[in-house]
Amino acid sequence: FAAFKEINILFLVSKYIKNFYRCFTFTFSRGLLIIDLYILNMNNNNYWTGIVDFSTSNMPPNAIGIVARVVTFADDLDAFHQKVAGLVGEMDGELIFIEETFMVSDFLIHRATKDSEIFELLETAKKFPNDVVYGKFQYYTQDDS
């Protein structure tokens, strides 16, 4: 561990009660082990997540696109895509594509992640269900397609 400044590991633990799951995140940073516990209610089938890829005129000069994880409340996949496209439009952006689209409950059960960002986004989305909540923007400079 000494060679790494920070290591993040997430474990999804078995069912807790009915539709609740226990999720632990372990972070080893500067000699300290930080353990966070999340109790997740998997009844939130109307919360969706995905990776949005878009461009705007406000990007750095060498960037050709932005990717970010998004979470929002939507009745179905089409409604999710419409809300995300609306957000990109409000930012005067052009939607390139949306990928890795899942209901949040399915994402957390089947695609365990080491990044706690999804938990923070879900918590915020629950407070503001009409909004699309986005994570960290990551710019890219070359088209890999």
Protein backbone atom coordinates (compact mmCIF):
# COMPACT_ATOMS: atom_id res chain seq x y z
CA PHE A 1 0.00 0.00 0.00
CA ALA A 2 2.89 2.38 0.56
CA ALA A 3 3.36 2.96 -3.18
CA PHE A 4 -0.20 4.27 -3.61
CA LYS A 5 -1.46 7.60 -2.34
CA GLU A 6 -5.07 6.49 -2.37
CA ILE A 7 -6.90 3.23 -3.05
CA ASN A 8 -10.70 3.03 -3.31
CA ILE A 9 -12.56 -0.28 -3.08
CA LEU A 10 -16.30 -0.83 -2.97
CA PHE A 11 -18.03 -3.96 -1.75
CA LEU A 12 -21.70 -4.62 -2.20
CA VAL A 13 -22.81 -6.77 0.67
CA SER A 14 -25.82 -9.07 0.69
CA LYS A 15 -29.39 -8.05 1.24
CA TYR A 16 -29.98 -6.24 4.50
CA ILE A 17 -33.75 -6.16 4.95
CA LYS A 18 -36.23 -6.72 2.11
CA ASN A 19 -35.11 -4.28 -0.63
CA PHE A 20 -32.30 -2.67 1.34
CA TYR A 21 -28.64 -3.44 0.66
CA ARG A 22 -25.54 -2.62 2.66
CA CYS A 23 -22.70 -1.10 0.65
CA PHE A 24 -19.29 -0.46 2.13
CA THR A 25 -16.62 1.70 0.56
CA PHE A 26 -13.07 1.30 1.78
CA THR A 27 -10.55 4.04 1.08
CA PHE A 28 -6.90 3.68 2.04
CA SER A 29 -5.37 7.14 2.02
CA ARG A 30 -2.18 8.42 3.66
CA GLY A 31 -2.00 5.51 6.05
CA LEU A 32 -5.65 5.73 7.12
CA LEU A 33 -8.41 3.29 6.30
CA ILE A 34 -11.74 5.07 5.90
CA ILE A 35 -14.86 2.94 5.83
CA ASP A 36 -18.19 4.39 4.68
CA LEU A 37 -21.43 2.49 4.98
CA TYR A 38 -24.40 3.16 2.72
CA ILE A 39 -27.79 1.57 3.26
CA LEU A 40 -29.47 1.60 -0.14
CA ASN A 41 -33.14 1.22 -0.81
CA MET A 42 -33.34 -0.68 -4.09
CA ASN A 43 -37.01 0.22 -4.53
CA ASN A 44 -35.88 3.31 -6.42
CA ASN A 45 -36.55 1.79 -9.83
CA ASN A 46 -37.29 5.18 -11.37
CA TYR A 47 -33.80 6.56 -10.84
CA TRP A 48 -31.59 6.14 -13.90
CA THR A 49 -27.90 6.62 -14.52
CA GLY A 50 -25.69 6.79 -17.58
CA ILE A 51 -22.58 8.33 -19.07
CA VAL A 52 -23.31 11.37 -21.21
CA ASP A 53 -20.89 12.50 -23.91
CA PHE A 54 -21.39 16.02 -25.25
CA SER A 55 -19.62 19.13 -26.46
CA THR A 56 -20.08 22.84 -25.81
CA SER A 57 -18.47 26.05 -26.97
CA ASN A 58 -17.18 26.62 -23.41
CA MET A 59 -14.64 23.76 -23.47
CA PRO A 60 -10.87 24.26 -23.29
CA PRO A 61 -9.35 24.91 -26.74
CA ASN A 62 -7.87 21.44 -27.20
CA ALA A 63 -10.94 19.52 -25.92
CA ILE A 64 -13.40 17.96 -28.35
CA GLY A 65 -15.85 16.50 -25.84
CA ILE A 66 -16.96 16.06 -22.25
CA VAL A 67 -18.12 12.92 -20.46
CA ALA A 68 -19.89 12.79 -17.11
CA ARG A 69 -22.04 10.37 -15.12
CA VAL A 70 -25.61 11.57 -14.67
CA VAL A 71 -28.48 10.45 -12.41
CA THR A 72 -32.12 11.51 -12.59
CA PHE A 73 -35.66 10.39 -11.84
CA ALA A 74 -37.50 9.19 -14.96
CA ASP A 75 -40.47 6.95 -15.71
CA ASP A 76 -38.59 5.01 -18.38
CA LEU A 77 -35.49 4.95 -20.58
CA ASP A 78 -36.95 7.37 -23.15
CA ALA A 79 -37.83 9.89 -20.44
CA PHE A 80 -34.29 9.57 -19.06
CA HIS A 81 -32.78 10.29 -22.48
CA GLN A 82 -35.11 13.28 -22.97
CA LYS A 83 -34.16 14.79 -19.61
CA VAL A 84 -30.44 14.35 -20.27
CA ALA A 85 -30.77 15.85 -23.77
CA GLY A 86 -32.62 18.78 -22.19
CA LEU A 87 -29.78 19.36 -19.73
CA VAL A 88 -27.21 19.37 -22.53
CA GLY A 89 -29.40 21.81 -24.47
CA GLU A 90 -29.64 24.13 -21.45
CA MET A 91 -25.84 24.17 -21.38
CA ASP A 92 -25.80 25.21 -25.08
CA GLY A 93 -24.23 21.86 -25.83
CA GLU A 94 -24.54 19.19 -28.47
CA LEU A 95 -25.32 15.67 -27.30
CA ILE A 96 -22.99 13.10 -28.84
CA PHE A 97 -24.36 9.99 -27.11
CA ILE A 98 -25.51 8.46 -23.84
CA GLU A 99 -24.08 5.08 -22.89
CA GLU A 100 -24.08 2.62 -19.99
CA THR A 101 -27.70 3.48 -19.22
CA PHE A 102 -29.15 1.54 -16.28
CA MET A 103 -31.68 1.90 -13.53
CA VAL A 104 -29.55 2.86 -10.53
CA SER A 105 -30.66 -0.22 -8.58
CA ASP A 106 -29.49 -2.51 -11.41
CA PHE A 107 -26.26 -0.58 -11.80
CA LEU A 108 -25.42 -0.95 -8.11
CA ILE A 109 -26.28 -4.64 -7.95
CA HIS A 110 -24.64 -5.78 -11.20
CA ARG A 111 -21.86 -3.28 -11.81
CA ALA A 112 -20.09 -2.69 -8.51
CA THR A 113 -17.95 0.41 -8.69
CA LYS A 114 -15.00 1.66 -6.70
CA ASP A 115 -16.11 5.27 -7.07
CA SER A 116 -18.57 6.62 -4.49
CA GLU A 117 -19.73 9.35 -6.91
CA ILE A 118 -22.84 7.33 -7.84
CA PHE A 119 -23.99 7.38 -4.19
CA GLU A 120 -23.56 11.14 -3.95
CA LEU A 121 -25.39 11.69 -7.24
CA LEU A 122 -28.27 9.44 -6.18
CA GLU A 123 -28.59 11.23 -2.84
CA THR A 124 -28.76 14.61 -4.61
CA ALA A 125 -31.17 13.31 -7.27
CA LYS A 126 -33.55 12.17 -4.53
CA LYS A 127 -33.59 15.73 -3.17
CA PHE A 128 -34.16 17.23 -6.63
CA PRO A 129 -36.08 14.60 -8.65
CA ASN A 130 -36.95 17.03 -11.47
CA ASP A 131 -33.29 17.79 -12.18
CA VAL A 132 -30.52 15.87 -13.90
CA VAL A 133 -27.61 15.58 -11.48
CA TYR A 134 -24.18 15.26 -13.05
CA GLY A 135 -20.80 14.23 -11.69
CA LYS A 136 -17.30 15.33 -12.52
CA PHE A 137 -16.77 16.56 -16.08
CA GLN A 138 -13.91 14.87 -17.88
CA TYR A 139 -12.68 16.52 -21.06
CA TYR A 140 -11.10 14.51 -23.83
CA THR A 141 -8.90 15.72 -26.64
CA GLN A 142 -8.99 13.05 -29.32
CA ASP A 143 -11.83 11.28 -31.06
CA ASP A 144 -11.48 7.56 -30.36
CA SER A 145 -14.38 6.52 -32.60
